[in-house]
C-alpha cells in the first residue's frame, strides 16, 4: 500500500518529462536479442539506452531537472557529483541550456568518461576530480553548493530526475504490443529503478520488476532487507556506474514498495557478460550496462516462455579496462588461478614444471620470481589460465606430488588483492 508520506512520480509528470526531452534525448530502440532468446527459450528484449545521445539514460533525468530551474537558479549555476554518466547528462544539459556547471568526479572514473564530459559540456562546465568514491565527490560538491549558493543536481535522489528516468519505462510500453512479464533494471542510487517501477505499476502492474545490483555494492538490497535506508561501510567500485554506499531516500521509499525482487550479480559474471555481448553481438557496454543481462542466468527457469526486457543502461566503457574485465571473467569462470610455486634450486626445474606439471592446454599468464628463500627452494608467484575448470584439481595434485606446491592464492583475499 502506498503511503501518503512516500513520493511517487505521477503519470502526468512522467509524460511531461517525455515532452521536455523531445528533441534532446533519443527514443532508444527496443530490440529482441536472438542469441539470449534462444538460450533462455524466451523473448529477450534489450532497451538500448547505451545508444542514447550521451551513451546512457542519464540525460533524461539531468535535463528534466535542470530545465525546471527558475531563471535565478540558472543564473547562479549548478553543481553535480558523478562517476561519469550523470556528469555527461549534466554537461550536455548545461550546454543546451547555456548554464554554467561544476562537476565533481571521483578519481577512479575512467578517462574515457572524463573526456566525454568535457566534450559534451565544452566551455559551460568545469570538472573537479575529488576523492576515491562517488560519496567523496558528492560531499565536496555539496560544500561547493553551500559556499557559492548554487543548485545541486542530484544523480538520483530528486523528483524531477526520477520523473526523467521514468520515461525509459514509458517508451518500453509504447514500443511493444506484447505483454511484458519481466523487466530487469540496474540499480545504483535508484533513480532509474524507482521511476521505471512506478510507471509499470501504474500502466502494467502484472509485470515483475527485478532490480539488479553489483555484488560488491548491494546498497538497495541491504536497505530493503533492513527496512531502512542503510549506508554501506565499504563498496567495490568496479561497477562504477552502479556503486554507491547509500541509495537515495526518495528512491528507497519507492523501490521497497515497487520492486518485486532485487538481486546481486558477481562482478566476474558481469565481466563475462560484457565479453559475450562484444564477441557475440558486437555490443559494447560498461559494467553497469551489463547488469540486467547478467541477471538472466539467475532467473533462467522463471523466464522460460516469457517476454523479458533488459535495460541496457550505458556503454561508456574505457578500452583500457579490457584486460581487467577479462581477468575477472576468467576468475569467475574458475579458469584463472594464482599459486605460490616452490621451485627446487637445480637446473631443469622450470622445464620440468612446464613439461610435466602443467597440462597440455594450460597457459602461464603471470610469473614473478621473488627471491631464493633457502638453499633448496626458490619461490615464484605464478598465474595460470586453464581451458577447463575441471583441470584445476589434477594440476594441484601434480604440483603437490612433485613438491612444487607452495600455496593457492585465489581463496586468500588479503594476498589476492595485490594480484587483481
Protein backbone atom coordinates (compact mmCIF):
# COMPACT_ATOMS: atom_id res chain seq x y z
CA UNK A 1 0.00 0.00 0.00
CA UNK A 2 1.39 3.39 -0.98
CA UNK A 3 1.58 5.75 1.97
CA UNK A 4 0.88 9.49 1.78
CA UNK A 5 4.39 10.22 3.00
CA UNK A 6 6.03 8.48 0.05
CA UNK A 7 6.58 10.43 -3.15
CA UNK A 8 5.67 8.57 -6.33
CA UNK A 9 6.11 10.25 -9.72
CA UNK A 10 2.73 10.85 -11.33
CA UNK A 11 1.94 9.62 -14.82
CA UNK A 12 1.19 13.22 -15.78
CA UNK A 13 4.63 14.40 -14.65
CA UNK A 14 6.35 11.50 -16.44
CA UNK A 15 4.55 12.37 -19.66
CA UNK A 16 5.54 16.00 -19.16
CA UNK A 17 9.16 14.87 -18.73
CA UNK A 18 8.90 12.95 -22.01
CA UNK A 19 7.66 16.14 -23.67
CA UNK A 20 10.55 18.12 -22.16
CA UNK A 21 13.02 15.58 -23.54
CA UNK A 22 11.68 15.64 -27.07
CA UNK A 23 14.49 16.73 -29.42
CA UNK A 24 17.00 16.32 -26.53
CA UNK A 25 17.09 12.59 -25.71
CA UNK A 26 16.72 9.80 -28.25
CA UNK A 27 13.79 7.42 -28.19
CA UNK A 28 16.11 4.42 -27.96
CA UNK A 29 15.18 1.15 -29.70
CA UNK A 30 13.67 -1.91 -28.03
CA UNK A 31 15.34 -4.82 -29.85
CA UNK A 32 14.99 -8.58 -29.47
CA UNK A 33 18.28 -10.37 -28.83
CA UNK A 34 18.14 -13.59 -30.80
CA UNK A 35 21.01 -15.34 -29.01
CA UNK A 36 19.66 -14.87 -25.49
CA UNK A 37 16.08 -15.51 -26.58
CA UNK A 38 17.21 -18.91 -27.87
CA UNK A 39 19.36 -19.60 -24.82
CA UNK A 40 16.60 -18.86 -22.32
CA UNK A 41 13.71 -20.10 -24.50
CA UNK A 42 12.01 -16.74 -24.09
CA UNK A 43 11.71 -13.39 -25.83
CA UNK A 44 14.56 -11.25 -24.51
CA UNK A 45 14.34 -7.59 -25.48
CA UNK A 46 17.08 -5.00 -24.94
CA UNK A 47 16.10 -1.41 -24.18
CA UNK A 48 19.17 0.16 -25.77
CA UNK A 49 19.95 3.15 -23.56
CA UNK A 50 23.58 2.53 -24.48
CA UNK A 51 22.65 4.18 -27.80
CA UNK A 52 21.46 7.35 -26.08
CA UNK A 53 22.97 10.69 -27.10
CA UNK A 54 25.35 10.57 -24.10
CA UNK A 55 25.52 6.75 -24.26
CA UNK A 56 23.39 6.30 -21.14
CA UNK A 57 19.89 7.09 -19.88
CA UNK A 58 21.22 9.79 -17.55
CA UNK A 59 20.48 12.63 -19.95
CA UNK A 60 16.78 12.09 -19.23
CA UNK A 61 16.85 12.92 -15.53
CA UNK A 62 19.57 15.55 -15.76
CA UNK A 63 17.89 17.59 -18.48
CA UNK A 64 14.43 17.25 -16.94
CA UNK A 65 15.76 18.62 -13.66
CA UNK A 66 17.97 21.41 -14.99
CA UNK A 67 15.34 22.65 -17.43
CA UNK A 68 12.89 23.00 -14.50
CA UNK A 69 15.07 25.54 -12.66
CA UNK A 70 13.93 29.14 -12.44
CA UNK A 71 15.90 31.97 -14.02
CA UNK A 72 17.64 32.91 -10.78
CA UNK A 73 18.81 29.33 -10.18
CA UNK A 74 20.04 29.05 -13.76
CA UNK A 75 21.96 32.32 -13.41
CA UNK A 76 23.76 31.14 -10.24
CA UNK A 77 24.81 27.88 -11.91
CA UNK A 78 24.61 24.24 -10.95
CA UNK A 79 26.84 21.62 -9.33
CA UNK A 80 26.77 17.81 -9.53
CA UNK A 81 28.76 14.78 -8.43
CA UNK A 82 29.09 11.77 -10.70
CA UNK A 83 31.22 8.77 -11.62
CA UNK A 84 30.62 9.64 -15.25
CA UNK A 85 27.22 9.05 -16.82
CA UNK A 86 25.23 11.59 -14.81
CA UNK A 87 28.06 14.04 -15.41
CA UNK A 88 27.70 13.62 -19.16
CA UNK A 89 23.96 14.20 -18.95
CA UNK A 90 24.51 17.30 -16.84
CA UNK A 91 27.28 18.55 -19.14
CA UNK A 92 25.15 18.28 -22.27
CA UNK A 93 22.19 19.86 -20.47
CA UNK A 94 24.36 22.79 -19.41
CA UNK A 95 25.49 23.36 -22.99
CA UNK A 96 21.97 23.07 -24.43
CA UNK A 97 20.52 25.41 -21.80
CA UNK A 98 23.63 27.64 -21.66
CA UNK A 99 24.06 27.24 -17.90
CA UNK A 100 27.41 27.12 -16.10
CA UNK A 101 28.06 23.86 -14.26
CA UNK A 102 30.74 22.47 -11.93
CA UNK A 103 31.11 18.70 -11.99
CA UNK A 104 32.87 16.73 -9.24
CA UNK A 105 34.12 13.28 -10.26
CA UNK A 106 35.91 10.63 -8.13
CA UNK A 107 39.48 9.78 -9.10
CA UNK A 108 38.76 6.15 -10.26
CA UNK A 109 36.44 7.48 -13.01
CA UNK A 110 37.72 6.14 -16.37
CA UNK A 111 39.45 8.76 -18.51
CA UNK A 112 37.05 7.97 -21.32
CA UNK A 113 34.15 9.27 -19.21
CA UNK A 114 36.04 12.38 -18.13
CA UNK A 115 36.87 13.20 -21.75
CA UNK A 116 33.26 12.66 -22.79
CA UNK A 117 32.09 15.09 -20.10
CA UNK A 118 34.47 17.72 -21.45
CA UNK A 119 33.25 17.11 -24.99
CA UNK A 120 29.55 17.38 -24.14
CA UNK A 121 29.85 20.39 -21.85
CA UNK A 122 32.51 22.38 -23.68
CA UNK A 123 33.00 25.84 -22.13
CA UNK A 124 29.89 25.56 -19.96
CA UNK A 125 31.35 23.09 -17.46
CA UNK A 126 34.29 22.85 -15.07
CA UNK A 127 35.48 19.41 -13.90
CA UNK A 128 36.99 18.85 -10.45
CA UNK A 129 38.45 15.41 -9.60
CA UNK A 130 37.83 14.75 -5.91
CA UNK A 131 38.12 11.68 -3.66
CA UNK A 132 38.12 7.92 -4.25
CA UNK A 133 34.37 7.23 -4.37
CA UNK A 134 31.16 8.84 -5.53
CA UNK A 135 30.42 9.72 -1.92
CA UNK A 136 33.69 11.66 -1.62
CA UNK A 137 32.86 13.64 -4.76
CA UNK A 138 29.29 14.10 -3.53
CA UNK A 139 30.41 15.64 -0.21
CA UNK A 140 32.75 18.07 -1.99
CA UNK A 141 30.01 19.05 -4.42
CA UNK A 142 27.61 19.81 -1.57
CA UNK A 143 30.22 22.05 0.06
CA UNK A 144 30.59 23.91 -3.24
CA UNK A 145 26.83 24.42 -3.38
CA UNK A 146 26.61 25.69 0.18
CA UNK A 147 29.53 28.09 -0.16
CA UNK A 148 28.51 29.56 -3.54
CA UNK A 149 24.71 29.29 -3.35
CA UNK A 150 24.44 27.07 -6.41
CA UNK A 151 21.84 24.41 -7.19
CA UNK A 152 22.85 20.79 -6.66
CA UNK A 153 21.71 18.38 -9.38
CA UNK A 154 21.44 15.04 -7.61
CA UNK A 155 22.04 11.97 -9.78
CA UNK A 156 19.10 10.05 -8.33
CA UNK A 157 17.52 11.46 -5.15
CA UNK A 158 15.39 14.12 -6.85
CA UNK A 159 11.79 14.14 -8.04
CA UNK A 160 12.49 15.68 -11.45
CA UNK A 161 15.40 13.30 -12.03
CA UNK A 162 13.22 10.30 -11.15
CA UNK A 163 10.48 11.54 -13.50
CA UNK A 164 13.01 11.93 -16.29
CA UNK A 165 14.40 8.41 -15.82
CA UNK A 166 10.83 7.05 -15.74
CA UNK A 167 10.48 7.95 -19.41
CA UNK A 168 12.53 4.82 -20.18
CA UNK A 169 9.57 2.77 -18.97
CA UNK A 170 7.09 4.90 -20.88
CA UNK A 171 8.96 4.23 -24.11
CA UNK A 172 9.15 0.49 -23.48
CA UNK A 173 5.38 0.21 -23.15
CA UNK A 174 4.87 2.33 -26.25
CA UNK A 175 7.30 0.23 -28.31
CA UNK A 176 5.69 -3.20 -27.98
CA UNK A 177 2.22 -4.68 -28.08
CA UNK A 178 3.39 -7.78 -26.23
CA UNK A 179 2.63 -8.35 -22.59
CA UNK A 180 5.88 -7.77 -20.68
CA UNK A 181 6.36 -10.37 -17.97
CA UNK A 182 9.71 -9.22 -16.54
CA UNK A 183 11.84 -6.08 -16.60
CA UNK A 184 15.39 -6.32 -15.31
CA UNK A 185 16.70 -2.89 -14.35
CA UNK A 186 20.14 -1.94 -13.00
CA UNK A 187 20.21 -0.25 -9.60
CA UNK A 188 22.85 2.22 -8.46
CA UNK A 189 21.38 5.08 -6.47
CA UNK A 190 17.88 4.10 -7.55
CA UNK A 191 16.80 6.87 -9.95
CA UNK A 192 16.02 4.61 -12.91
CA UNK A 193 14.56 1.75 -10.87
CA UNK A 194 12.27 4.00 -8.83
CA UNK A 195 10.99 5.90 -11.87
CA UNK A 196 10.56 2.91 -14.16
CA UNK A 197 8.95 0.73 -11.49
CA UNK A 198 6.38 3.40 -10.66
CA UNK A 199 5.44 3.76 -14.32
CA UNK A 200 4.99 0.00 -14.71
CA UNK A 201 2.98 -0.36 -11.51
CA UNK A 202 0.65 2.27 -12.95
CA UNK A 203 0.34 1.01 -16.53
CA UNK A 204 1.43 -2.65 -16.42
CA UNK A 205 1.07 -3.87 -12.82
CA UNK A 206 1.38 -7.55 -13.76
CA UNK A 207 4.97 -7.00 -14.93
CA UNK A 208 7.58 -8.14 -12.43
CA UNK A 209 10.30 -5.54 -11.89
CA UNK A 210 13.63 -7.05 -10.85
CA UNK A 211 16.32 -4.69 -9.57
CA UNK A 212 19.92 -5.77 -10.17
CA UNK A 213 22.93 -4.56 -8.18
CA UNK A 214 26.64 -5.49 -8.30
CA UNK A 215 27.57 -7.94 -5.55
CA UNK A 216 30.21 -5.53 -4.25
CA UNK A 217 27.75 -2.65 -3.73
CA UNK A 218 24.38 -4.06 -2.55
CA UNK A 219 23.11 -0.79 -1.09
CA UNK A 220 19.46 -1.13 -2.15
CA UNK A 221 19.24 -4.81 -1.26
CA UNK A 222 20.75 -4.14 2.16
CA UNK A 223 18.38 -1.24 2.78
CA UNK A 224 15.30 -3.24 1.80
CA UNK A 225 16.43 -6.12 3.99
CA UNK A 226 17.00 -3.74 6.92
CA UNK A 227 13.70 -1.93 6.23
CA UNK A 228 15.54 1.40 6.37
CA UNK A 229 17.91 3.25 4.07
CA UNK A 230 21.32 1.95 5.09
CA UNK A 231 24.78 3.24 4.20
CA UNK A 232 27.35 0.55 3.44
CA UNK A 233 30.73 0.93 5.12
CA UNK A 234 32.70 -0.19 2.07
CA UNK A 235 31.90 -0.98 -1.55
CA UNK A 236 33.62 -2.43 -4.60
CA UNK A 237 33.88 0.40 -7.14
CA UNK A 238 34.47 -1.80 -10.18
CA UNK A 239 30.91 -1.33 -11.49
CA UNK A 240 31.42 2.41 -11.23
CA UNK A 241 28.08 3.36 -12.75
CA UNK A 242 26.15 1.45 -10.08
CA UNK A 243 28.37 1.58 -6.99
CA UNK A 244 27.11 3.86 -4.22
CA UNK A 245 27.32 3.43 -0.48
CA UNK A 246 23.79 4.69 0.08
CA UNK A 247 20.80 4.95 -2.24
CA UNK A 248 18.55 7.99 -2.26
CA UNK A 249 15.86 8.32 0.39
CA UNK A 250 13.21 9.02 -2.24
CA UNK A 251 14.44 6.09 -4.31
CA UNK A 252 14.49 3.68 -1.39
CA UNK A 253 10.96 4.58 -0.35
CA UNK A 254 9.70 3.86 -3.87
CA UNK A 255 11.77 0.75 -4.59
CA UNK A 256 10.96 -1.02 -1.33
CA UNK A 257 7.31 -0.97 -2.42
CA UNK A 258 7.63 -1.34 -6.18
CA UNK A 259 10.43 -3.82 -6.83
CA UNK A 260 9.25 -7.42 -6.94
CA UNK A 261 12.79 -8.56 -6.14
CA UNK A 262 16.32 -7.25 -6.00
CA UNK A 263 19.32 -9.45 -6.63
CA UNK A 264 23.08 -9.03 -6.76
CA UNK A 265 25.38 -10.27 -9.52
CA UNK A 266 29.10 -11.06 -9.01
CA UNK A 267 31.47 -8.68 -10.72
CA UNK A 268 33.07 -11.60 -12.56
CA UNK A 269 29.72 -12.60 -14.05
CA UNK A 270 29.19 -9.01 -15.19
CA UNK A 271 32.59 -9.08 -16.89
CA UNK A 272 31.79 -12.32 -18.71
CA UNK A 273 28.56 -10.74 -19.91
CA UNK A 274 30.47 -7.72 -21.25
CA UNK A 275 32.78 -10.02 -23.21
CA UNK A 276 29.90 -12.15 -24.53
CA UNK A 277 27.96 -9.10 -25.70
CA UNK A 278 31.00 -7.84 -27.57
CA UNK A 279 32.11 -11.18 -29.04
CA UNK A 280 28.65 -12.50 -29.96
CA UNK A 281 26.52 -9.42 -30.60
CA UNK A 282 29.14 -6.70 -31.25
CA UNK A 283 27.55 -4.63 -28.47
CA UNK A 284 29.84 -2.53 -26.26
CA UNK A 285 28.56 -1.93 -22.73
CA UNK A 286 30.04 -0.66 -19.50
CA UNK A 287 29.85 -2.83 -16.35
CA UNK A 288 26.64 -1.19 -15.12
CA UNK A 289 25.17 -1.61 -18.61
CA UNK A 290 25.65 -5.37 -18.40
CA UNK A 291 23.97 -5.77 -15.01
CA UNK A 292 20.44 -6.52 -16.21
CA UNK A 293 21.63 -9.05 -18.79
CA UNK A 294 23.98 -10.76 -16.34
CA UNK A 295 20.97 -11.39 -14.07
CA UNK A 296 19.15 -13.58 -16.59
CA UNK A 297 21.06 -16.73 -15.64
CA UNK A 298 19.70 -16.44 -12.11
CA UNK A 299 16.12 -16.38 -13.46
CA UNK A 300 16.52 -18.98 -16.19
CA UNK A 301 13.65 -21.18 -15.00
CA UNK A 302 11.24 -18.33 -14.22
CA UNK A 303 11.60 -16.51 -17.54
CA UNK A 304 11.22 -19.53 -19.81
CA UNK A 305 8.47 -18.78 -22.32
CA UNK A 306 8.14 -15.19 -21.05
CA UNK A 307 8.63 -11.75 -22.55
CA UNK A 308 11.60 -10.15 -20.84
CA UNK A 309 13.10 -6.65 -21.09
CA UNK A 310 16.65 -5.86 -20.01
CA UNK A 311 17.51 -2.19 -19.68
CA UNK A 312 20.99 -1.78 -21.15
CA UNK A 313 21.82 1.35 -19.23
CA UNK A 314 25.08 2.57 -20.75
CA UNK A 315 28.09 1.98 -22.99
CA UNK A 316 30.68 4.36 -21.58
CA UNK A 317 33.40 1.77 -21.23
CA UNK A 318 37.12 2.54 -21.26
CA UNK A 319 39.07 0.22 -23.56
CA UNK A 320 41.99 0.29 -21.12
CA UNK A 321 39.83 -1.75 -18.71
CA UNK A 322 39.62 -4.70 -21.12
CA UNK A 323 42.46 -6.68 -19.53
CA UNK A 324 40.91 -6.26 -16.08
CA UNK A 325 37.49 -7.27 -17.40
CA UNK A 326 38.91 -10.42 -18.98
CA UNK A 327 40.83 -11.28 -15.81
CA UNK A 328 37.74 -11.01 -13.62
CA UNK A 329 35.69 -13.05 -16.08
CA UNK A 330 38.26 -15.85 -16.09
CA UNK A 331 38.42 -15.86 -12.30
CA UNK A 332 34.64 -16.09 -12.08
CA UNK A 333 34.63 -18.99 -14.56
CA UNK A 334 37.27 -20.73 -12.40
CA UNK A 335 39.74 -20.67 -15.29
CA UNK A 336 42.38 -18.30 -13.86
CA UNK A 337 44.41 -19.37 -10.83
CA UNK A 338 47.34 -18.00 -8.88
CA UNK A 339 49.82 -20.09 -6.92
CA UNK A 340 52.96 -19.74 -4.89
CA UNK A 341 55.21 -22.27 -6.55
CA UNK A 342 58.34 -23.60 -4.84
CA UNK A 343 60.96 -24.34 -7.48
CA UNK A 344 63.81 -26.67 -6.50
CA UNK A 345 67.14 -24.86 -6.83
CA UNK A 346 68.51 -27.13 -9.54
CA UNK A 347 68.96 -26.99 -13.28
CA UNK A 348 65.88 -28.06 -15.23
CA UNK A 349 63.29 -27.33 -12.50
CA UNK A 350 61.37 -24.80 -14.59
CA UNK A 351 61.50 -27.10 -17.62
CA UNK A 352 60.07 -29.93 -15.52
CA UNK A 353 57.28 -27.66 -14.25
CA UNK A 354 56.28 -26.68 -17.79
CA UNK A 355 56.64 -30.16 -19.32
CA UNK A 356 55.35 -32.41 -16.54
CA UNK A 357 53.27 -30.35 -14.11
CA UNK A 358 51.27 -28.14 -16.45
CA UNK A 359 48.60 -29.69 -18.61
CA UNK A 360 48.88 -29.52 -22.41
CA UNK A 361 46.35 -26.65 -22.58
CA UNK A 362 47.49 -24.71 -19.50
CA UNK A 363 48.98 -21.28 -20.09
CA UNK A 364 51.32 -19.26 -17.84
CA UNK A 365 49.98 -15.69 -17.75
CA UNK A 366 51.91 -14.35 -14.75
CA UNK A 367 55.33 -15.28 -13.41
CA UNK A 368 57.08 -13.34 -10.68
CA UNK A 369 60.19 -14.87 -9.14
CA UNK A 370 60.63 -13.28 -5.73
CA UNK A 371 63.92 -14.43 -4.21
CA UNK A 372 65.81 -17.50 -3.13
CA UNK A 373 64.35 -18.22 0.29
CA UNK A 374 66.70 -21.03 1.14
CA UNK A 375 69.28 -23.27 -0.46
CA UNK A 376 66.74 -25.86 -1.60
CA UNK A 377 63.73 -23.84 -2.82
CA UNK A 378 63.07 -20.63 -4.81
CA UNK A 379 59.60 -19.09 -4.65
CA UNK A 380 57.59 -17.66 -7.57
CA UNK A 381 54.07 -16.31 -7.88
CA UNK A 382 52.58 -17.98 -10.94
CA UNK A 383 49.30 -17.22 -12.68
CA UNK A 384 47.81 -19.96 -14.84
CA UNK A 385 44.92 -19.90 -17.29
CA UNK A 386 43.18 -23.25 -17.77
CA UNK A 387 40.95 -24.41 -20.61
CA UNK A 388 38.55 -26.17 -18.27
CA UNK A 389 37.72 -25.66 -14.60
CA UNK A 390 37.98 -29.42 -14.12
CA UNK A 391 41.72 -29.21 -14.84
CA UNK A 392 42.40 -27.48 -11.51
CA UNK A 393 42.37 -30.43 -9.12
CA UNK A 394 44.64 -32.64 -11.26
CA UNK A 395 47.04 -29.70 -11.61
CA UNK A 396 47.24 -29.16 -7.84
CA UNK A 397 47.72 -32.91 -7.36
CA UNK A 398 50.71 -32.97 -9.76
CA UNK A 399 52.21 -29.90 -8.09
CA UNK A 400 51.98 -31.49 -4.64
CA UNK A 401 53.18 -34.87 -5.83
CA UNK A 402 56.32 -33.33 -7.30
CA UNK A 403 56.92 -30.90 -4.39
CA UNK A 404 56.24 -27.73 -6.38
CA UNK A 405 53.15 -26.64 -4.45
CA UNK A 406 53.57 -23.71 -2.09
CA UNK A 407 50.10 -22.19 -1.70
CA UNK A 408 46.89 -21.43 -3.61
CA UNK A 409 46.09 -17.71 -3.64
CA UNK A 410 42.62 -17.37 -5.18
CA UNK A 411 40.88 -18.08 -1.88
CA UNK A 412 43.15 -15.78 0.15
CA UNK A 413 41.69 -12.28 -0.39
CA UNK A 414 44.30 -10.49 1.73
CA UNK A 415 47.04 -11.70 -0.63
CA UNK A 416 44.98 -11.95 -3.79
CA UNK A 417 44.06 -8.26 -3.87
CA UNK A 418 47.67 -7.45 -4.77
CA UNK A 419 47.40 -9.53 -7.95
CA UNK A 420 43.97 -8.48 -9.28
